[in-house]
Amino acid sequence: MSEEIKFSDWEKLEVKAGTVLEVKSHPNADKLYVLKVDIGKEINVVASIKENYSEEELLGKQIVIFTNLEKKPLRGVISEGMLLAVDDDNEVSLLTPDKKVKNGAKIR
């Protein structure tokens, strides 16, 4: 079982809905995409989902993004958030709202 965290720690997480505006192959990594996502403002998210999703499947898709994670360079490209997904024995499924929501809507 995972270690429990305090409710006050959970409250620090900022998770929002966003729409994928642009999908590009990462210039330095075969398995990564660089996504431009609208979460009320545009951010770049580097994601290792190329084996599970085509560019066409991602473009315009609403997804769930962890937005207050520190920015991190991934193979030379800064990622400003982390998308949330289920990893079921390496079969990845993105977490998505079940109906259209406003970009930047907070997940709680």
C-alpha atoms as a PDB file:
ATOM      1  CA  MET A   1       0.000   0.000   0.000  1.00  0.00           C
ATOM      2  CA  SER A   2       1.172   3.526  -0.751  1.00  0.00           C
ATOM      3  CA  GLU A   3       2.144   5.951   1.963  1.00  0.00           C
ATOM      4  CA  GLU A   4      -0.749   8.192   2.998  1.00  0.00           C
ATOM      5  CA  ILE A   5      -0.367  11.928   2.493  1.00  0.00           C
ATOM      6  CA  LYS A   6      -1.972  14.698   4.453  1.00  0.00           C
ATOM      7  CA  PHE A   7      -5.036  16.399   3.016  1.00  0.00           C
ATOM      8  CA  SER A   8      -3.107  19.684   3.095  1.00  0.00           C
ATOM      9  CA  ASP A   9      -0.514  18.110   0.754  1.00  0.00           C
ATOM     10  CA  TRP A  10      -3.249  17.020  -1.674  1.00  0.00           C
ATOM     11  CA  GLU A  11      -4.609  20.581  -1.675  1.00  0.00           C
ATOM     12  CA  LYS A  12      -1.269  21.778  -3.105  1.00  0.00           C
ATOM     13  CA  LEU A  13      -1.853  19.859  -6.342  1.00  0.00           C
ATOM     14  CA  GLU A  14      -3.107  21.936  -9.252  1.00  0.00           C
ATOM     15  CA  VAL A  15      -4.812  19.744 -11.836  1.00  0.00           C
ATOM     16  CA  LYS A  16      -6.728  21.277 -14.739  1.00  0.00           C
ATOM     17  CA  ALA A  17      -8.553  20.349 -17.909  1.00  0.00           C
ATOM     18  CA  GLY A  18      -7.021  21.472 -21.184  1.00  0.00           C
ATOM     19  CA  THR A  19      -7.356  21.067 -24.929  1.00  0.00           C
ATOM     20  CA  VAL A  20      -4.517  19.858 -27.138  1.00  0.00           C
ATOM     21  CA  LEU A  21      -3.938  22.604 -29.732  1.00  0.00           C
ATOM     22  CA  GLU A  22      -0.841  21.240 -31.440  1.00  0.00           C
ATOM     23  CA  VAL A  23       1.057  17.951 -31.573  1.00  0.00           C
ATOM     24  CA  LYS A  24       4.652  17.654 -32.785  1.00  0.00           C
ATOM     25  CA  SER A  25       7.177  14.865 -32.671  1.00  0.00           C
ATOM     26  CA  HIS A  26       9.946  15.611 -30.191  1.00  0.00           C
ATOM     27  CA  PRO A  27      13.074  16.639 -32.125  1.00  0.00           C
ATOM     28  CA  ASN A  28      15.394  14.512 -29.945  1.00  0.00           C
ATOM     29  CA  ALA A  29      13.302  11.473 -28.946  1.00  0.00           C
ATOM     30  CA  ASP A  30      11.433   8.898 -31.022  1.00  0.00           C
ATOM     31  CA  LYS A  31       8.804   8.031 -28.371  1.00  0.00           C
ATOM     32  CA  LEU A  32       7.889  11.565 -27.265  1.00  0.00           C
ATOM     33  CA  TYR A  33       5.434  14.208 -28.435  1.00  0.00           C
ATOM     34  CA  VAL A  34       5.549  17.897 -27.623  1.00  0.00           C
ATOM     35  CA  LEU A  35       1.972  19.040 -27.036  1.00  0.00           C
ATOM     36  CA  LYS A  36       0.753  22.631 -26.938  1.00  0.00           C
ATOM     37  CA  VAL A  37      -2.159  22.588 -24.485  1.00  0.00           C
ATOM     38  CA  ASP A  38      -4.655  25.347 -23.648  1.00  0.00           C
ATOM     39  CA  ILE A  39      -5.308  25.327 -19.882  1.00  0.00           C
ATOM     40  CA  GLY A  40      -6.578  28.916 -19.877  1.00  0.00           C
ATOM     41  CA  LYS A  41      -3.113  29.801 -21.162  1.00  0.00           C
ATOM     42  CA  GLU A  42      -0.929  27.846 -23.563  1.00  0.00           C
ATOM     43  CA  ILE A  43       1.712  25.510 -22.141  1.00  0.00           C
ATOM     44  CA  ASN A  44       4.031  22.876 -23.605  1.00  0.00           C
ATOM     45  CA  VAL A  45       3.824  19.318 -22.295  1.00  0.00           C
ATOM     46  CA  VAL A  46       6.313  16.635 -23.300  1.00  0.00           C
ATOM     47  CA  ALA A  47       4.654  13.214 -23.182  1.00  0.00           C
ATOM     48  CA  SER A  48       5.735   9.648 -23.834  1.00  0.00           C
ATOM     49  CA  ILE A  49       2.512   8.557 -25.542  1.00  0.00           C
ATOM     50  CA  LYS A  50       3.598   8.227 -29.162  1.00  0.00           C
ATOM     51  CA  GLU A  51       3.233   4.436 -29.085  1.00  0.00           C
ATOM     52  CA  ASN A  52      -0.377   4.745 -27.897  1.00  0.00           C
ATOM     53  CA  TYR A  53      -1.806   7.802 -29.685  1.00  0.00           C
ATOM     54  CA  SER A  54      -1.482   9.287 -33.153  1.00  0.00           C
ATOM     55  CA  GLU A  55      -1.187  13.020 -33.702  1.00  0.00           C
ATOM     56  CA  GLU A  56      -4.704  12.994 -35.159  1.00  0.00           C
ATOM     57  CA  GLU A  57      -6.168  11.306 -32.060  1.00  0.00           C
ATOM     58  CA  LEU A  58      -4.624  13.935 -29.781  1.00  0.00           C
ATOM     59  CA  LEU A  59      -5.372  17.107 -31.722  1.00  0.00           C
ATOM     60  CA  GLY A  60      -8.421  18.810 -30.157  1.00  0.00           C
ATOM     61  CA  LYS A  61      -8.694  16.241 -27.346  1.00  0.00           C
ATOM     62  CA  GLN A  62      -9.451  17.481 -23.841  1.00  0.00           C
ATOM     63  CA  ILE A  63      -7.058  15.988 -21.296  1.00  0.00           C
ATOM     64  CA  VAL A  64      -6.167  16.342 -17.625  1.00  0.00           C
ATOM     65  CA  ILE A  65      -2.898  18.125 -16.769  1.00  0.00           C
ATOM     66  CA  PHE A  66      -0.950  18.409 -13.510  1.00  0.00           C
ATOM     67  CA  THR A  67       0.019  22.082 -13.865  1.00  0.00           C
ATOM     68  CA  ASN A  68       2.081  23.110 -10.842  1.00  0.00           C
ATOM     69  CA  LEU A  69       4.851  20.576 -11.217  1.00  0.00           C
ATOM     70  CA  GLU A  70       8.237  22.262 -11.615  1.00  0.00           C
ATOM     71  CA  LYS A  71       9.190  22.857 -15.238  1.00  0.00           C
ATOM     72  CA  LYS A  72      11.615  20.226 -16.474  1.00  0.00           C
ATOM     73  CA  PRO A  73      13.682  19.833 -19.630  1.00  0.00           C
ATOM     74  CA  LEU A  74      13.025  16.463 -21.277  1.00  0.00           C
ATOM     75  CA  ARG A  75      15.626  15.714 -23.952  1.00  0.00           C
ATOM     76  CA  GLY A  76      16.158  19.429 -24.468  1.00  0.00           C
ATOM     77  CA  VAL A  77      12.505  20.615 -24.507  1.00  0.00           C
ATOM     78  CA  ILE A  78      10.936  22.241 -21.423  1.00  0.00           C
ATOM     79  CA  SER A  79       7.771  20.525 -20.184  1.00  0.00           C
ATOM     80  CA  GLU A  80       5.463  22.845 -18.227  1.00  0.00           C
ATOM     81  CA  GLY A  81       3.089  20.182 -16.926  1.00  0.00           C
ATOM     82  CA  MET A  82       2.339  16.481 -16.888  1.00  0.00           C
ATOM     83  CA  LEU A  83      -0.666  14.839 -18.470  1.00  0.00           C
ATOM     84  CA  LEU A  84      -2.438  12.214 -16.409  1.00  0.00           C
ATOM     85  CA  ALA A  85      -2.988   8.738 -17.800  1.00  0.00           C
ATOM     86  CA  VAL A  86      -3.659   5.170 -16.749  1.00  0.00           C
ATOM     87  CA  ASP A  87      -0.803   2.737 -17.411  1.00  0.00           C
ATOM     88  CA  ASP A  88      -2.325  -0.738 -17.723  1.00  0.00           C
ATOM     89  CA  ASP A  89       0.604  -3.049 -18.520  1.00  0.00           C
ATOM     90  CA  ASN A  90       2.094  -0.431 -20.890  1.00  0.00           C
ATOM     91  CA  GLU A  91      -1.265   0.255 -22.557  1.00  0.00           C
ATOM     92  CA  VAL A  92      -1.737   3.965 -21.879  1.00  0.00           C
ATOM     93  CA  SER A  93      -5.158   5.608 -21.629  1.00  0.00           C
ATOM     94  CA  LEU A  94      -5.390   9.380 -21.120  1.00  0.00           C
ATOM     95  CA  LEU A  95      -7.658  10.752 -18.420  1.00  0.00           C
ATOM     96  CA  THR A  96     -10.291  12.932 -20.072  1.00  0.00           C
ATOM     97  CA  PRO A  97     -13.453  14.730 -18.975  1.00  0.00           C
ATOM     98  CA  ASP A  98     -16.594  12.810 -19.984  1.00  0.00           C
ATOM     99  CA  LYS A  99     -18.094  15.998 -21.433  1.00  0.00           C
ATOM    100  CA  LYS A 100     -16.649  19.231 -22.823  1.00  0.00           C
ATOM    101  CA  VAL A 101     -15.452  21.594 -20.098  1.00  0.00           C
ATOM    102  CA  LYS A 102     -13.811  25.020 -20.036  1.00  0.00           C
ATOM    103  CA  ASN A 103     -10.046  24.974 -20.540  1.00  0.00           C
ATOM    104  CA  GLY A 104      -8.408  25.619 -17.195  1.00  0.00           C
ATOM    105  CA  ALA A 105     -11.293  24.127 -15.208  1.00  0.00           C
ATOM    106  CA  LYS A 106      -9.869  22.780 -11.953  1.00  0.00           C
ATOM    107  CA  ILE A 107     -10.012  19.065 -11.267  1.00  0.00           C
ATOM    108  CA  ARG A 108     -11.013  18.348  -7.684  1.00  0.00           C
END
